[in-house]
């Protein structure tokens, strides 16, 4: 059954207008819901995606759109920050390793270019011999992204692209997946060196909100060249500070200069704020 499902996906999905589908889904998710309808649909939505609504700041019926619930804040104090280096999201740590010869690991036997991914050859050279960590967020996860450590935001780059899914099938079947999809790269300076956190868009996740700079608008109707912003003075963050929001599940990739020496982390499910 799994093979049949993957075969159908492989044949059909390349022909789906993924950017248009993502915009349409986003519009539906953001439709205001009257009180009685919200009280009915949002709890059903939570049960369908197996979302732990008990952690949400509000009761499911108090959200006025499906997107409002999906991008929910957590109850105060439910994710205490556990140190100077923490996981940035609720999700699954799927890949990690040393950055070698300008490459990151996508899946077993497959790599992709750091320079292409970040859109910056000079920055890619800085990360040589550093570490990277890839996190996947499924629809059931909390969808706000937080800072894994302290630092000063010095620049950001918005790179338009496609919106392929970033699920297991795509990661193992679409080469350079994370370089193909739309992404927002946030670049930080820290006493130990440079680090970057990258939001990777996906099907139905064309809308990414950057808390530190709301002027960055993803999945625009008109295609445009990559845009870059520099912040003077830089914008300081602490471990656990909110950086942005996915409006459905996707992927976050963190890169650290070699001075950080974070090493191998425990793979599998993680929670935002847990120390590493």
Protein backbone atom coordinates (compact mmCIF):
# COMPACT_ATOMS: atom_id res chain seq x y z
CA UNK A 1 0.00 0.00 0.00
CA UNK A 2 2.85 2.38 0.88
CA UNK A 3 4.58 1.66 -2.45
CA UNK A 4 1.31 2.30 -4.33
CA UNK A 5 0.84 5.61 -2.50
CA UNK A 6 4.41 6.72 -3.28
CA UNK A 7 4.03 5.67 -6.92
CA UNK A 8 0.85 7.70 -7.31
CA UNK A 9 2.54 10.69 -5.65
CA UNK A 10 5.56 10.40 -7.97
CA UNK A 11 3.44 10.44 -11.11
CA UNK A 12 0.83 13.03 -10.17
CA UNK A 13 2.44 15.61 -7.92
CA UNK A 14 5.03 17.01 -10.38
CA UNK A 15 2.08 18.29 -12.45
CA UNK A 16 0.27 19.95 -9.54
CA UNK A 17 0.58 23.80 -9.51
CA UNK A 18 2.14 23.81 -6.06
CA UNK A 19 2.50 27.58 -5.57
CA UNK A 20 -1.10 28.21 -6.60
CA UNK A 21 -2.30 25.32 -4.42
CA UNK A 22 -0.38 26.76 -1.47
CA UNK A 23 -1.89 30.23 -1.92
CA UNK A 24 -5.40 28.79 -2.16
CA UNK A 25 -4.86 26.68 0.97
CA UNK A 26 -3.52 29.73 2.79
CA UNK A 27 -6.60 31.78 1.88
CA UNK A 28 -8.91 29.04 3.16
CA UNK A 29 -6.90 28.64 6.36
CA UNK A 30 -7.11 32.38 7.07
CA UNK A 31 -10.86 32.72 6.44
CA UNK A 32 -12.52 34.20 9.56
CA UNK A 33 -14.82 31.72 11.24
CA UNK A 34 -17.94 32.86 13.13
CA UNK A 35 -17.87 31.86 16.80
CA UNK A 36 -20.14 28.77 16.61
CA UNK A 37 -18.37 27.53 13.47
CA UNK A 38 -14.93 28.04 15.04
CA UNK A 39 -16.05 26.13 18.13
CA UNK A 40 -17.02 23.22 15.83
CA UNK A 41 -14.31 23.20 13.14
CA UNK A 42 -11.15 24.05 15.08
CA UNK A 43 -11.47 21.15 17.56
CA UNK A 44 -12.19 18.81 14.61
CA UNK A 45 -9.09 20.19 12.87
CA UNK A 46 -7.05 19.53 16.04
CA UNK A 47 -8.28 15.94 16.31
CA UNK A 48 -7.72 15.24 12.60
CA UNK A 49 -4.06 16.31 12.76
CA UNK A 50 -3.59 14.87 16.29
CA UNK A 51 -2.54 18.26 17.68
CA UNK A 52 -2.01 18.51 21.43
CA UNK A 53 -4.45 21.36 22.01
CA UNK A 54 -3.83 21.25 25.78
CA UNK A 55 -0.52 23.07 25.19
CA UNK A 56 -2.14 25.94 23.28
CA UNK A 57 -2.45 29.42 24.79
CA UNK A 58 -6.22 29.42 24.15
CA UNK A 59 -8.95 26.82 23.93
CA UNK A 60 -9.44 25.54 20.32
CA UNK A 61 -12.87 27.18 20.02
CA UNK A 62 -11.40 30.60 20.88
CA UNK A 63 -9.39 30.81 17.65
CA UNK A 64 -11.13 32.70 14.85
CA UNK A 65 -9.53 30.84 11.90
CA UNK A 66 -7.82 27.52 11.25
CA UNK A 67 -4.58 29.40 10.60
CA UNK A 68 -4.92 31.21 13.92
CA UNK A 69 -5.01 27.85 15.69
CA UNK A 70 -2.26 26.35 13.55
CA UNK A 71 0.10 29.22 14.37
CA UNK A 72 -0.94 29.21 18.04
CA UNK A 73 1.30 30.34 20.85
CA UNK A 74 1.99 27.93 23.69
CA UNK A 75 0.86 28.41 27.26
CA UNK A 76 3.28 30.55 29.23
CA UNK A 77 6.07 28.51 30.83
CA UNK A 78 5.27 25.24 29.04
CA UNK A 79 8.61 25.28 27.15
CA UNK A 80 11.22 26.59 29.60
CA UNK A 81 14.51 27.42 27.88
CA UNK A 82 17.02 24.80 28.96
CA UNK A 83 20.37 26.51 28.42
CA UNK A 84 22.46 28.54 26.01
CA UNK A 85 21.91 26.08 23.14
CA UNK A 86 18.42 24.62 22.56
CA UNK A 87 16.32 22.98 19.88
CA UNK A 88 14.59 25.75 17.87
CA UNK A 89 11.34 23.86 17.14
CA UNK A 90 9.01 21.06 18.08
CA UNK A 91 9.59 18.43 15.41
CA UNK A 92 12.03 15.73 14.37
CA UNK A 93 15.79 16.04 14.00
CA UNK A 94 16.21 14.20 10.69
CA UNK A 95 19.80 14.95 9.61
CA UNK A 96 22.93 16.38 11.18
CA UNK A 97 26.62 16.34 10.56
CA UNK A 98 29.79 18.13 9.61
CA UNK A 99 29.78 20.58 6.71
CA UNK A 100 32.44 19.23 4.36
CA UNK A 101 33.52 20.30 0.87
CA UNK A 102 30.73 22.85 0.79
CA UNK A 103 27.99 20.21 1.07
CA UNK A 104 25.09 19.39 3.40
CA UNK A 105 23.44 15.96 3.65
CA UNK A 106 19.87 15.73 2.35
CA UNK A 107 19.50 11.96 2.70
CA UNK A 108 21.74 8.91 2.57
CA UNK A 109 23.99 9.27 -0.47
CA UNK A 110 22.59 12.68 -1.44
CA UNK A 111 24.13 16.07 -0.71
CA UNK A 112 23.46 19.66 -1.77
CA UNK A 113 25.50 22.84 -2.03
CA UNK A 114 25.77 25.16 0.98
CA UNK A 115 26.45 28.12 -1.34
CA UNK A 116 23.34 27.44 -3.43
CA UNK A 117 21.22 26.81 -0.36
CA UNK A 118 22.24 30.05 1.40
CA UNK A 119 22.57 32.06 -1.81
CA UNK A 120 25.98 33.28 -0.64
CA UNK A 121 29.33 31.72 -1.60
CA UNK A 122 31.30 33.78 0.92
CA UNK A 123 29.09 32.71 3.81
CA UNK A 124 29.27 29.10 2.65
CA UNK A 125 33.05 29.18 2.98
CA UNK A 126 32.73 30.43 6.57
CA UNK A 127 30.68 27.32 7.46
CA UNK A 128 33.22 24.82 6.12
CA UNK A 129 34.01 22.24 8.86
CA UNK A 130 31.08 23.54 10.92
CA UNK A 131 27.92 21.65 11.88
CA UNK A 132 24.39 21.54 10.48
CA UNK A 133 21.09 20.27 11.91
CA UNK A 134 17.88 19.61 9.91
CA UNK A 135 14.48 19.68 11.64
CA UNK A 136 11.19 18.55 10.07
CA UNK A 137 7.87 19.90 11.37
CA UNK A 138 4.77 17.80 10.69
CA UNK A 139 1.24 19.26 10.82
CA UNK A 140 0.77 18.10 14.43
CA UNK A 141 3.73 20.16 15.66
CA UNK A 142 3.82 23.63 17.21
CA UNK A 143 4.74 25.91 14.30
CA UNK A 144 6.64 28.83 15.78
CA UNK A 145 10.40 28.84 15.29
CA UNK A 146 12.71 30.05 18.04
CA UNK A 147 16.35 30.97 18.36
CA UNK A 148 18.64 28.01 19.16
CA UNK A 149 21.16 30.30 20.88
CA UNK A 150 22.01 33.96 21.36
CA UNK A 151 23.30 36.23 18.62
CA UNK A 152 22.83 39.39 16.60
CA UNK A 153 20.80 39.25 13.38
CA UNK A 154 23.00 41.01 10.83
CA UNK A 155 21.33 40.06 7.54
CA UNK A 156 18.48 38.13 5.94
CA UNK A 157 18.00 36.76 2.45
CA UNK A 158 14.65 35.79 0.92
CA UNK A 159 15.12 33.31 -1.94
CA UNK A 160 11.98 32.60 -4.01
CA UNK A 161 11.58 29.06 -5.27
CA UNK A 162 9.31 26.10 -5.75
CA UNK A 163 7.09 24.61 -3.08
CA UNK A 164 7.68 20.88 -3.19
CA UNK A 165 6.60 18.92 -0.12
CA UNK A 166 9.44 18.26 2.31
CA UNK A 167 8.09 14.92 3.55
CA UNK A 168 10.07 11.66 3.61
CA UNK A 169 9.19 10.79 0.00
CA UNK A 170 10.41 14.14 -1.33
CA UNK A 171 13.63 14.12 0.71
CA UNK A 172 14.55 10.71 -0.75
CA UNK A 173 13.37 11.33 -4.32
CA UNK A 174 13.98 14.99 -5.26
CA UNK A 175 17.63 15.96 -5.53
CA UNK A 176 18.59 19.40 -4.17
CA UNK A 177 15.10 19.66 -2.65
CA UNK A 178 16.04 22.33 -0.11
CA UNK A 179 17.77 24.41 -2.81
CA UNK A 180 14.71 24.21 -5.07
CA UNK A 181 12.16 25.37 -2.50
CA UNK A 182 11.55 28.91 -1.34
CA UNK A 183 13.47 29.86 1.78
CA UNK A 184 14.32 32.66 4.17
CA UNK A 185 17.88 32.73 5.51
CA UNK A 186 18.57 34.55 8.80
CA UNK A 187 22.27 35.22 9.50
CA UNK A 188 23.58 35.86 13.01
CA UNK A 189 26.86 36.75 14.68
CA UNK A 190 27.87 35.23 18.04
CA UNK A 191 31.09 35.37 20.11
CA UNK A 192 31.83 31.78 18.97
CA UNK A 193 31.28 32.59 15.28
CA UNK A 194 28.55 32.88 12.66
CA UNK A 195 25.33 30.88 12.59
CA UNK A 196 22.32 30.81 10.28
CA UNK A 197 18.77 29.53 10.59
CA UNK A 198 16.90 28.80 7.37
CA UNK A 199 13.12 28.54 6.96
CA UNK A 200 12.38 26.18 4.05
CA UNK A 201 8.95 26.58 2.46
CA UNK A 202 6.89 23.65 1.19
CA UNK A 203 3.54 22.82 -0.40
CA UNK A 204 0.85 24.62 1.61
CA UNK A 205 3.63 26.43 3.51
CA UNK A 206 4.16 29.21 1.03
CA UNK A 207 3.36 31.64 3.82
CA UNK A 208 6.22 32.10 6.28
CA UNK A 209 6.11 34.99 8.75
CA UNK A 210 9.41 36.37 10.06
CA UNK A 211 8.81 37.85 13.51
CA UNK A 212 12.07 39.80 13.49
CA UNK A 213 11.24 41.42 10.13
CA UNK A 214 7.55 41.28 9.08
CA UNK A 215 8.41 43.10 5.82
CA UNK A 216 9.72 39.79 4.40
CA UNK A 217 6.79 38.43 2.37
CA UNK A 218 6.93 34.83 1.12
CA UNK A 219 5.13 33.14 -1.80
CA UNK A 220 4.32 36.38 -3.62
CA UNK A 221 2.03 36.30 -6.63
CA UNK A 222 4.76 37.70 -8.89
CA UNK A 223 8.11 35.91 -9.18
CA UNK A 224 11.02 38.11 -8.11
CA UNK A 225 14.78 37.96 -7.65
CA UNK A 226 16.28 37.07 -4.25
CA UNK A 227 16.26 40.02 -1.87
CA UNK A 228 18.72 40.79 0.91
CA UNK A 229 18.43 42.95 4.01
CA UNK A 230 21.16 44.18 6.35
CA UNK A 231 20.37 45.32 9.88
CA UNK A 232 22.21 48.27 11.41
CA UNK A 233 22.17 48.14 14.31
CA UNK A 234 21.89 44.33 14.40
CA UNK A 235 18.84 42.76 16.09
CA UNK A 236 19.85 40.82 19.24
CA UNK A 237 18.19 37.53 20.21
CA UNK A 238 18.43 35.22 23.20
CA UNK A 239 17.97 31.42 23.30
CA UNK A 240 14.26 30.69 22.87
CA UNK A 241 13.29 34.06 21.36
CA UNK A 242 10.72 33.74 18.58
CA UNK A 243 12.16 34.15 15.07
CA UNK A 244 9.18 33.34 12.86
CA UNK A 245 6.18 31.17 12.02
CA UNK A 246 5.31 28.48 9.49
CA UNK A 247 1.68 28.52 8.37
CA UNK A 248 1.67 24.68 8.05
CA UNK A 249 4.49 22.13 8.47
CA UNK A 250 7.94 22.44 6.92
CA UNK A 251 11.69 22.32 7.60
CA UNK A 252 14.25 24.37 9.54
CA UNK A 253 17.99 23.98 8.94
CA UNK A 254 20.59 25.46 11.31
CA UNK A 255 24.24 25.96 10.35
CA UNK A 256 27.03 26.81 12.80
CA UNK A 257 30.60 27.88 12.22
CA UNK A 258 33.15 25.31 13.43
CA UNK A 259 33.87 27.27 16.64
CA UNK A 260 30.53 26.12 18.10
CA UNK A 261 31.49 22.40 18.19
CA UNK A 262 27.98 21.22 19.10
CA UNK A 263 28.69 17.71 17.79
CA UNK A 264 26.23 14.85 17.40
CA UNK A 265 22.77 15.26 18.92
CA UNK A 266 20.20 12.59 19.68
CA UNK A 267 18.13 12.07 16.49
CA UNK A 268 14.35 11.79 16.52
CA UNK A 269 11.56 13.84 18.08
CA UNK A 270 12.58 17.05 19.87
CA UNK A 271 10.90 19.89 21.74
CA UNK A 272 11.66 23.57 21.40
CA UNK A 273 13.64 24.94 24.31
CA UNK A 274 15.20 21.65 25.39
CA UNK A 275 18.94 22.11 25.93
CA UNK A 276 21.43 20.37 23.63
